[in-house]
Amino acid sequence: MSETSAGSSPSQHARLSLTSDLIYKIQLWFHALMTVSYYRYGELGTLLFNIAKSILEGAILYSMFSMAESQYKVLTALFSCVAWCAAWCL
């Protein structure tokens, strides 16, 4: 008897297989985390690295946008001056 005739489609079977595989991998990860101290240090290091990287990226983006904002203000003042001169000369 095929799986489709039993009332479950192949996509449901694949989804159940994927879910059970995911649950097994999560259990394996927790087991390794609790039993191996070097694994804990590695996971902690990865977590701290990602937090620090996100903070650094935020600081870089903030400085880039604040520089762009100040340059935009200077550019706007320059264009308004050019437009005023052009209007005055015409």
PDB file of N, CA and C in Angstrom:
ATOM      1  N   MET A   1       0.837  -1.169   0.000  1.00  0.00           N
ATOM      2  CA  MET A   1       0.000   0.000   0.000  1.00  0.00           C
ATOM      3  C   MET A   1       0.891   1.243   0.000  1.00  0.00           C
ATOM      4  N   SER A   2       0.591   2.187  -0.860  1.00  0.00           N
ATOM      5  CA  SER A   2       1.431   3.378  -0.934  1.00  0.00           C
ATOM      6  C   SER A   2       1.038   4.359   0.149  1.00  0.00           C
ATOM      7  N   GLU A   3       1.908   5.345   0.358  1.00  0.00           N
ATOM      8  CA  GLU A   3       1.667   6.324   1.426  1.00  0.00           C
ATOM      9  C   GLU A   3       0.516   7.240   1.082  1.00  0.00           C
ATOM     10  N   THR A   4       0.326   7.524  -0.205  1.00  0.00           N
ATOM     11  CA  THR A   4      -0.757   8.432  -0.579  1.00  0.00           C
ATOM     12  C   THR A   4      -2.109   7.780  -0.405  1.00  0.00           C
ATOM     13  N   SER A   5      -2.194   6.474  -0.581  1.00  0.00           N
ATOM     14  CA  SER A   5      -3.477   5.814  -0.394  1.00  0.00           C
ATOM     15  C   SER A   5      -3.818   5.633   1.083  1.00  0.00           C
ATOM     16  N   ALA A   6      -2.830   5.752   1.954  1.00  0.00           N
ATOM     17  CA  ALA A   6      -3.068   5.609   3.387  1.00  0.00           C
ATOM     18  C   ALA A   6      -3.621   6.895   3.996  1.00  0.00           C
ATOM     19  N   GLY A   7      -3.739   7.957   3.186  1.00  0.00           N
ATOM     20  CA  GLY A   7      -4.326   9.186   3.695  1.00  0.00           C
ATOM     21  C   GLY A   7      -3.319  10.280   3.980  1.00  0.00           C
ATOM     22  N   SER A   8      -2.044  10.019   3.845  1.00  0.00           N
ATOM     23  CA  SER A   8      -1.042  11.063   4.055  1.00  0.00           C
ATOM     24  C   SER A   8      -0.330  11.327   2.740  1.00  0.00           C
ATOM     25  N   SER A   9      -0.193  12.590   2.418  1.00  0.00           N
ATOM     26  CA  SER A   9       0.474  12.956   1.168  1.00  0.00           C
ATOM     27  C   SER A   9       1.982  12.904   1.371  1.00  0.00           C
ATOM     28  N   PRO A  10       2.741  12.841   0.275  1.00  0.00           N
ATOM     29  CA  PRO A  10       4.214  12.835   0.402  1.00  0.00           C
ATOM     30  C   PRO A  10       4.756  14.090   1.070  1.00  0.00           C
ATOM     31  N   SER A  11       4.074  15.230   0.880  1.00  0.00           N
ATOM     32  CA  SER A  11       4.563  16.459   1.515  1.00  0.00           C
ATOM     33  C   SER A  11       4.380  16.402   3.031  1.00  0.00           C
ATOM     34  N   GLN A  12       3.285  15.768   3.489  1.00  0.00           N
ATOM     35  CA  GLN A  12       3.098  15.609   4.939  1.00  0.00           C
ATOM     36  C   GLN A  12       4.161  14.687   5.515  1.00  0.00           C
ATOM     37  N   HIS A  13       4.476  13.623   4.786  1.00  0.00           N
ATOM     38  CA  HIS A  13       5.506  12.693   5.255  1.00  0.00           C
ATOM     39  C   HIS A  13       6.864  13.395   5.325  1.00  0.00           C
ATOM     40  N   ALA A  14       7.180  14.191   4.310  1.00  0.00           N
ATOM     41  CA  ALA A  14       8.449  14.924   4.306  1.00  0.00           C
ATOM     42  C   ALA A  14       8.488  15.930   5.450  1.00  0.00           C
ATOM     43  N   ARG A  15       7.335  16.568   5.721  1.00  0.00           N
ATOM     44  CA  ARG A  15       7.277  17.553   6.800  1.00  0.00           C
ATOM     45  C   ARG A  15       7.476  16.881   8.156  1.00  0.00           C
ATOM     46  N   LEU A  16       6.855  15.719   8.352  1.00  0.00           N
ATOM     47  CA  LEU A  16       7.031  14.991   9.606  1.00  0.00           C
ATOM     48  C   LEU A  16       8.458  14.516   9.763  1.00  0.00           C
ATOM     49  N   SER A  17       9.056  14.070   8.672  1.00  0.00           N
ATOM     50  CA  SER A  17      10.446  13.633   8.710  1.00  0.00           C
ATOM     51  C   SER A  17      11.368  14.799   9.048  1.00  0.00           C
ATOM     52  N   LEU A  18      11.089  15.948   8.449  1.00  0.00           N
ATOM     53  CA  LEU A  18      11.897  17.142   8.716  1.00  0.00           C
ATOM     54  C   LEU A  18      11.751  17.580  10.165  1.00  0.00           C
ATOM     55  N   THR A  19      10.531  17.543  10.686  1.00  0.00           N
ATOM     56  CA  THR A  19      10.284  17.933  12.074  1.00  0.00           C
ATOM     57  C   THR A  19      10.993  16.996  13.045  1.00  0.00           C
ATOM     58  N   SER A  20      10.900  15.687  12.804  1.00  0.00           N
ATOM     59  CA  SER A  20      11.568  14.749  13.710  1.00  0.00           C
ATOM     60  C   SER A  20      13.082  14.884  13.618  1.00  0.00           C
ATOM     61  N   ASP A  21      13.592  15.171  12.421  1.00  0.00           N
ATOM     62  CA  ASP A  21      15.032  15.379  12.260  1.00  0.00           C
ATOM     63  C   ASP A  21      15.477  16.636  13.005  1.00  0.00           C
ATOM     64  N   LEU A  22      14.672  17.685  12.928  1.00  0.00           N
ATOM     65  CA  LEU A  22      15.000  18.923  13.628  1.00  0.00           C
ATOM     66  C   LEU A  22      14.985  18.716  15.145  1.00  0.00           C
ATOM     67  N   ILE A  23      13.981  18.002  15.648  1.00  0.00           N
ATOM     68  CA  ILE A  23      13.901  17.729  17.090  1.00  0.00           C
ATOM     69  C   ILE A  23      15.108  16.910  17.544  1.00  0.00           C
ATOM     70  N   TYR A  24      15.518  15.939  16.738  1.00  0.00           N
ATOM     71  CA  TYR A  24      16.696  15.130  17.075  1.00  0.00           C
ATOM     72  C   TYR A  24      17.954  15.996  17.123  1.00  0.00           C
ATOM     73  N   LYS A  25      18.113  16.890  16.161  1.00  0.00           N
ATOM     74  CA  LYS A  25      19.314  17.737  16.136  1.00  0.00           C
ATOM     75  C   LYS A  25      19.329  18.710  17.314  1.00  0.00           C
ATOM     76  N   ILE A  26      18.168  19.225  17.700  1.00  0.00           N
ATOM     77  CA  ILE A  26      18.104  20.119  18.863  1.00  0.00           C
ATOM     78  C   ILE A  26      18.467  19.370  20.137  1.00  0.00           C
ATOM     79  N   GLN A  27      17.961  18.147  20.281  1.00  0.00           N
ATOM     80  CA  GLN A  27      18.313  17.330  21.442  1.00  0.00           C
ATOM     81  C   GLN A  27      19.806  17.017  21.460  1.00  0.00           C
ATOM     82  N   LEU A  28      20.365  16.725  20.318  1.00  0.00           N
ATOM     83  CA  LEU A  28      21.802  16.449  20.225  1.00  0.00           C
ATOM     84  C   LEU A  28      22.617  17.689  20.606  1.00  0.00           C
ATOM     85  N   TRP A  29      22.164  18.865  20.165  1.00  0.00           N
ATOM     86  CA  TRP A  29      22.858  20.109  20.485  1.00  0.00           C
ATOM     87  C   TRP A  29      22.820  20.365  21.991  1.00  0.00           C
ATOM     88  N   PHE A  30      21.649  20.189  22.620  1.00  0.00           N
ATOM     89  CA  PHE A  30      21.549  20.383  24.073  1.00  0.00           C
ATOM     90  C   PHE A  30      22.419  19.382  24.833  1.00  0.00           C
ATOM     91  N   HIS A  31      22.460  18.160  24.352  1.00  0.00           N
ATOM     92  CA  HIS A  31      23.288  17.148  25.017  1.00  0.00           C
ATOM     93  C   HIS A  31      24.773  17.533  24.943  1.00  0.00           C
ATOM     94  N   ALA A  32      25.214  17.964  23.768  1.00  0.00           N
ATOM     95  CA  ALA A  32      26.606  18.398  23.621  1.00  0.00           C
ATOM     96  C   ALA A  32      26.891  19.633  24.463  1.00  0.00           C
ATOM     97  N   LEU A  33      25.920  20.527  24.545  1.00  0.00           N
ATOM     98  CA  LEU A  33      26.096  21.750  25.324  1.00  0.00           C
ATOM     99  C   LEU A  33      26.248  21.449  26.811  1.00  0.00           C
ATOM    100  N   MET A  34      25.529  20.458  27.295  1.00  0.00           N
ATOM    101  CA  MET A  34      25.578  20.121  28.714  1.00  0.00           C
ATOM    102  C   MET A  34      26.773  19.240  29.086  1.00  0.00           C
ATOM    103  N   THR A  35      27.274  18.458  28.163  1.00  0.00           N
ATOM    104  CA  THR A  35      28.318  17.498  28.532  1.00  0.00           C
ATOM    105  C   THR A  35      29.737  17.957  28.196  1.00  0.00           C
ATOM    106  N   VAL A  36      29.920  18.766  27.175  1.00  0.00           N
ATOM    107  CA  VAL A  36      31.265  19.148  26.729  1.00  0.00           C
ATOM    108  C   VAL A  36      31.507  20.615  27.055  1.00  0.00           C
ATOM    109  N   SER A  37      32.483  20.870  27.913  1.00  0.00           N
ATOM    110  CA  SER A  37      32.729  22.257  28.331  1.00  0.00           C
ATOM    111  C   SER A  37      33.291  23.104  27.192  1.00  0.00           C
ATOM    112  N   TYR A  38      34.144  22.526  26.344  1.00  0.00           N
ATOM    113  CA  TYR A  38      34.699  23.285  25.226  1.00  0.00           C
ATOM    114  C   TYR A  38      33.606  23.712  24.246  1.00  0.00           C
ATOM    115  N   TYR A  39      32.600  22.889  24.099  1.00  0.00           N
ATOM    116  CA  TYR A  39      31.478  23.241  23.235  1.00  0.00           C
ATOM    117  C   TYR A  39      30.721  24.434  23.810  1.00  0.00           C
ATOM    118  N   ARG A  40      30.557  24.462  25.136  1.00  0.00           N
ATOM    119  CA  ARG A  40      29.911  25.624  25.779  1.00  0.00           C
ATOM    120  C   ARG A  40      30.714  26.888  25.528  1.00  0.00           C
ATOM    121  N   TYR A  41      32.048  26.798  25.693  1.00  0.00           N
ATOM    122  CA  TYR A  41      32.888  27.973  25.453  1.00  0.00           C
ATOM    123  C   TYR A  41      32.789  28.440  24.009  1.00  0.00           C
ATOM    124  N   GLY A  42      32.736  27.484  23.092  1.00  0.00           N
ATOM    125  CA  GLY A  42      32.615  27.837  21.675  1.00  0.00           C
ATOM    126  C   GLY A  42      31.296  28.519  21.370  1.00  0.00           C
ATOM    127  N   GLU A  43      30.206  27.989  21.934  1.00  0.00           N
ATOM    128  CA  GLU A  43      28.894  28.599  21.715  1.00  0.00           C
ATOM    129  C   GLU A  43      28.821  29.983  22.352  1.00  0.00           C
ATOM    130  N   LEU A  44      29.402  30.138  23.527  1.00  0.00           N
ATOM    131  CA  LEU A  44      29.429  31.439  24.186  1.00  0.00           C
ATOM    132  C   LEU A  44      30.254  32.431  23.367  1.00  0.00           C
ATOM    133  N   GLY A  45      31.389  31.978  22.855  1.00  0.00           N
ATOM    134  CA  GLY A  45      32.222  32.841  22.018  1.00  0.00           C
ATOM    135  C   GLY A  45      31.514  33.266  20.748  1.00  0.00           C
ATOM    136  N   THR A  46      30.794  32.348  20.134  1.00  0.00           N
ATOM    137  CA  THR A  46      30.043  32.672  18.923  1.00  0.00           C
ATOM    138  C   THR A  46      28.954  33.689  19.221  1.00  0.00           C
ATOM    139  N   LEU A  47      28.263  33.513  20.331  1.00  0.00           N
ATOM    140  CA  LEU A  47      27.211  34.444  20.717  1.00  0.00           C
ATOM    141  C   LEU A  47      27.774  35.840  20.979  1.00  0.00           C
ATOM    142  N   LEU A  48      28.868  35.914  21.737  1.00  0.00           N
ATOM    143  CA  LEU A  48      29.476  37.217  22.025  1.00  0.00           C
ATOM    144  C   LEU A  48      30.026  37.871  20.762  1.00  0.00           C
ATOM    145  N   PHE A  49      30.597  37.065  19.871  1.00  0.00           N
ATOM    146  CA  PHE A  49      31.109  37.589  18.602  1.00  0.00           C
ATOM    147  C   PHE A  49      29.985  38.217  17.788  1.00  0.00           C
ATOM    148  N   ASN A  50      28.850  37.530  17.701  1.00  0.00           N
ATOM    149  CA  ASN A  50      27.731  38.050  16.920  1.00  0.00           C
ATOM    150  C   ASN A  50      27.145  39.321  17.533  1.00  0.00           C
ATOM    151  N   ILE A  51      27.095  39.389  18.858  1.00  0.00           N
ATOM    152  CA  ILE A  51      26.602  40.600  19.515  1.00  0.00           C
ATOM    153  C   ILE A  51      27.546  41.769  19.240  1.00  0.00           C
ATOM    154  N   ALA A  52      28.848  41.534  19.387  1.00  0.00           N
ATOM    155  CA  ALA A  52      29.825  42.600  19.157  1.00  0.00           C
ATOM    156  C   ALA A  52      29.819  43.041  17.695  1.00  0.00           C
ATOM    157  N   LYS A  53      29.678  42.095  16.788  1.00  0.00           N
ATOM    158  CA  LYS A  53      29.644  42.419  15.362  1.00  0.00           C
ATOM    159  C   LYS A  53      28.425  43.267  15.030  1.00  0.00           C
ATOM    160  N   SER A  54      27.296  42.956  15.630  1.00  0.00           N
ATOM    161  CA  SER A  54      26.078  43.738  15.383  1.00  0.00           C
ATOM    162  C   SER A  54      26.223  45.154  15.925  1.00  0.00           C
ATOM    163  N   ILE A  55      26.824  45.294  17.100  1.00  0.00           N
ATOM    164  CA  ILE A  55      27.041  46.630  17.671  1.00  0.00           C
ATOM    165  C   ILE A  55      27.981  47.438  16.787  1.00  0.00           C
ATOM    166  N   LEU A  56      29.049  46.807  16.310  1.00  0.00           N
ATOM    167  CA  LEU A  56      30.004  47.493  15.447  1.00  0.00           C
ATOM    168  C   LEU A  56      29.363  47.901  14.126  1.00  0.00           C
ATOM    169  N   GLU A  57      28.571  47.016  13.532  1.00  0.00           N
ATOM    170  CA  GLU A  57      27.883  47.360  12.286  1.00  0.00           C
ATOM    171  C   GLU A  57      26.918  48.519  12.503  1.00  0.00           C
ATOM    172  N   GLY A  58      26.235  48.529  13.643  1.00  0.00           N
ATOM    173  CA  GLY A  58      25.336  49.639  13.945  1.00  0.00           C
ATOM    174  C   GLY A  58      26.083  50.947  14.092  1.00  0.00           C
ATOM    175  N   ALA A  59      27.237  50.910  14.746  1.00  0.00           N
ATOM    176  CA  ALA A  59      28.030  52.136  14.907  1.00  0.00           C
ATOM    177  C   ALA A  59      28.538  52.636  13.560  1.00  0.00           C
ATOM    178  N   ILE A  60      28.954  51.718  12.705  1.00  0.00           N
ATOM    179  CA  ILE A  60      29.439  52.120  11.383  1.00  0.00           C
ATOM    180  C   ILE A  60      28.306  52.723  10.560  1.00  0.00           C
ATOM    181  N   LEU A  61      27.148  52.065  10.560  1.00  0.00           N
ATOM    182  CA  LEU A  61      26.017  52.607   9.813  1.00  0.00           C
ATOM    183  C   LEU A  61      25.582  53.957  10.353  1.00  0.00           C
ATOM    184  N   TYR A  62      25.586  54.118  11.683  1.00  0.00           N
ATOM    185  CA  TYR A  62      25.210  55.397  12.277  1.00  0.00           C
ATOM    186  C   TYR A  62      26.170  56.497  11.831  1.00  0.00           C
ATOM    187  N   SER A  63      27.472  56.205  11.864  1.00  0.00           N
ATOM    188  CA  SER A  63      28.436  57.232  11.465  1.00  0.00           C
ATOM    189  C   SER A  63      28.321  57.542   9.975  1.00  0.00           C
ATOM    190  N   MET A  64      28.065  56.511   9.150  1.00  0.00           N
ATOM    191  CA  MET A  64      27.905  56.768   7.716  1.00  0.00           C
ATOM    192  C   MET A  64      26.692  57.645   7.441  1.00  0.00           C
ATOM    193  N   PHE A  65      25.560  57.327   8.081  1.00  0.00           N
ATOM    194  CA  PHE A  65      24.357  58.105   7.831  1.00  0.00           C
ATOM    195  C   PHE A  65      24.457  59.503   8.418  1.00  0.00           C
ATOM    196  N   SER A  66      25.122  59.660   9.555  1.00  0.00           N
ATOM    197  CA  SER A  66      25.250  61.006  10.107  1.00  0.00           C
ATOM    198  C   SER A  66      26.191  61.854   9.253  1.00  0.00           C
ATOM    199  N   MET A  67      27.249  61.247   8.687  1.00  0.00           N
ATOM    200  CA  MET A  67      28.113  62.002   7.766  1.00  0.00           C
ATOM    201  C   MET A  67      27.346  62.358   6.502  1.00  0.00           C
ATOM    202  N   ALA A  68      26.551  61.412   5.992  1.00  0.00           N
ATOM    203  CA  ALA A  68      25.778  61.687   4.790  1.00  0.00           C
ATOM    204  C   ALA A  68      24.750  62.777   5.040  1.00  0.00           C
ATOM    205  N   GLU A  69      24.181  62.805   6.238  1.00  0.00           N
ATOM    206  CA  GLU A  69      23.198  63.835   6.565  1.00  0.00           C
ATOM    207  C   GLU A  69      23.851  65.210   6.606  1.00  0.00           C
ATOM    208  N   SER A  70      25.042  65.298   7.209  1.00  0.00           N
ATOM    209  CA  SER A  70      25.715  66.603   7.272  1.00  0.00           C
ATOM    210  C   SER A  70      26.173  67.039   5.878  1.00  0.00           C
ATOM    211  N   GLN A  71      26.627  66.097   5.060  1.00  0.00           N
ATOM    212  CA  GLN A  71      27.017  66.445   3.695  1.00  0.00           C
ATOM    213  C   GLN A  71      25.796  66.842   2.878  1.00  0.00           C
ATOM    214  N   TYR A  72      24.659  66.219   3.142  1.00  0.00           N
ATOM    215  CA  TYR A  72      23.424  66.568   2.438  1.00  0.00           C
ATOM    216  C   TYR A  72      23.012  67.997   2.773  1.00  0.00           C
ATOM    217  N   LYS A  73      23.185  68.389   4.043  1.00  0.00           N
ATOM    218  CA  LYS A  73      22.840  69.755   4.441  1.00  0.00           C
ATOM    219  C   LYS A  73      23.747  70.760   3.737  1.00  0.00           C
ATOM    220  N   VAL A  74      25.037  70.443   3.623  1.00  0.00           N
ATOM    221  CA  VAL A  74      25.972  71.330   2.936  1.00  0.00           C
ATOM    222  C   VAL A  74      25.615  71.407   1.459  1.00  0.00           C
ATOM    223  N   LEU A  75      25.280  70.260   0.878  1.00  0.00           N
ATOM    224  CA  LEU A  75      24.920  70.209  -0.531  1.00  0.00           C
ATOM    225  C   LEU A  75      23.634  70.992  -0.787  1.00  0.00           C
ATOM    226  N   THR A  76      22.679  70.887   0.111  1.00  0.00           N
ATOM    227  CA  THR A  76      21.428  71.633  -0.029  1.00  0.00           C
ATOM    228  C   THR A  76      21.691  73.128   0.038  1.00  0.00           C
ATOM    229  N   ALA A  77      22.554  73.557   0.948  1.00  0.00           N
ATOM    230  CA  ALA A  77      22.888  74.975   1.051  1.00  0.00           C
ATOM    231  C   ALA A  77      23.597  75.446  -0.214  1.00  0.00           C
ATOM    232  N   LEU A  78      24.467  74.617  -0.769  1.00  0.00           N
ATOM    233  CA  LEU A  78      25.186  74.975  -1.988  1.00  0.00           C
ATOM    234  C   LEU A  78      24.226  75.107  -3.164  1.00  0.00           C
ATOM    235  N   PHE A  79      23.299  74.161  -3.296  1.00  0.00           N
ATOM    236  CA  PHE A  79      22.334  74.228  -4.394  1.00  0.00           C
ATOM    237  C   PHE A  79      21.404  75.426  -4.256  1.00  0.00           C
ATOM    238  N   SER A  80      21.006  75.745  -3.029  1.00  0.00           N
ATOM    239  CA  SER A  80      20.136  76.907  -2.851  1.00  0.00           C
ATOM    240  C   SER A  80      20.884  78.190  -3.190  1.00  0.00           C
ATOM    241  N   CYS A  81      22.165  78.243  -2.884  1.00  0.00           N
ATOM    242  CA  CYS A  81      22.976  79.410  -3.223  1.00  0.00           C
ATOM    243  C   CYS A  81      23.117  79.536  -4.737  1.00  0.00           C
ATOM    244  N   VAL A  82      23.369  78.406  -5.416  1.00  0.00           N
ATOM    245  CA  VAL A  82      23.496  78.420  -6.872  1.00  0.00           C
ATOM    246  C   VAL A  82      22.174  78.816  -7.512  1.00  0.00           C
ATOM    247  N   ALA A  83      21.078  78.284  -6.982  1.00  0.00           N
ATOM    248  CA  ALA A  83      19.771  78.630  -7.540  1.00  0.00           C
ATOM    249  C   ALA A  83      19.470  80.101  -7.322  1.00  0.00           C
ATOM    250  N   TRP A  84      19.829  80.650  -6.166  1.00  0.00           N
ATOM    251  CA  TRP A  84      19.603  82.081  -5.916  1.00  0.00           C
ATOM    252  C   TRP A  84      20.436  82.931  -6.855  1.00  0.00           C
ATOM    253  N   CYS A  85      21.694  82.536  -7.069  1.00  0.00           N
ATOM    254  CA  CYS A  85      22.557  83.287  -7.993  1.00  0.00           C
ATOM    255  C   CYS A  85      22.025  83.206  -9.415  1.00  0.00           C
ATOM    256  N   ALA A  86      21.572  82.036  -9.828  1.00  0.00           N
ATOM    257  CA  ALA A  86      21.040  81.872 -11.176  1.00  0.00           C
ATOM    258  C   ALA A  86      19.774  82.706 -11.368  1.00  0.00           C
ATOM    259  N   ALA A  87      18.930  82.739 -10.341  1.00  0.00           N
ATOM    260  CA  ALA A  87      17.702  83.531 -10.435  1.00  0.00           C
ATOM    261  C   ALA A  87      18.012  85.025 -10.440  1.00  0.00           C
ATOM    262  N   TRP A  88      19.015  85.416  -9.715  1.00  0.00           N
ATOM    263  CA  TRP A  88      19.376  86.842  -9.638  1.00  0.00           C
ATOM    264  C   TRP A  88      19.997  87.320 -10.950  1.00  0.00           C
ATOM    265  N   CYS A  89      20.810  86.419 -11.566  1.00  0.00           N
ATOM    266  CA  CYS A  89      21.475  86.795 -12.807  1.00  0.00           C
ATOM    267  C   CYS A  89      20.500  86.842 -13.985  1.00  0.00           C
ATOM    268  N   LEU A  90      19.469  86.061 -13.949  1.00  0.00           N
ATOM    269  CA  LEU A  90      18.513  86.049 -15.063  1.00  0.00           C
ATOM    270  C   LEU A  90      17.562  87.172 -14.859  1.00  0.00           C
TER     271      LEU A  90
END
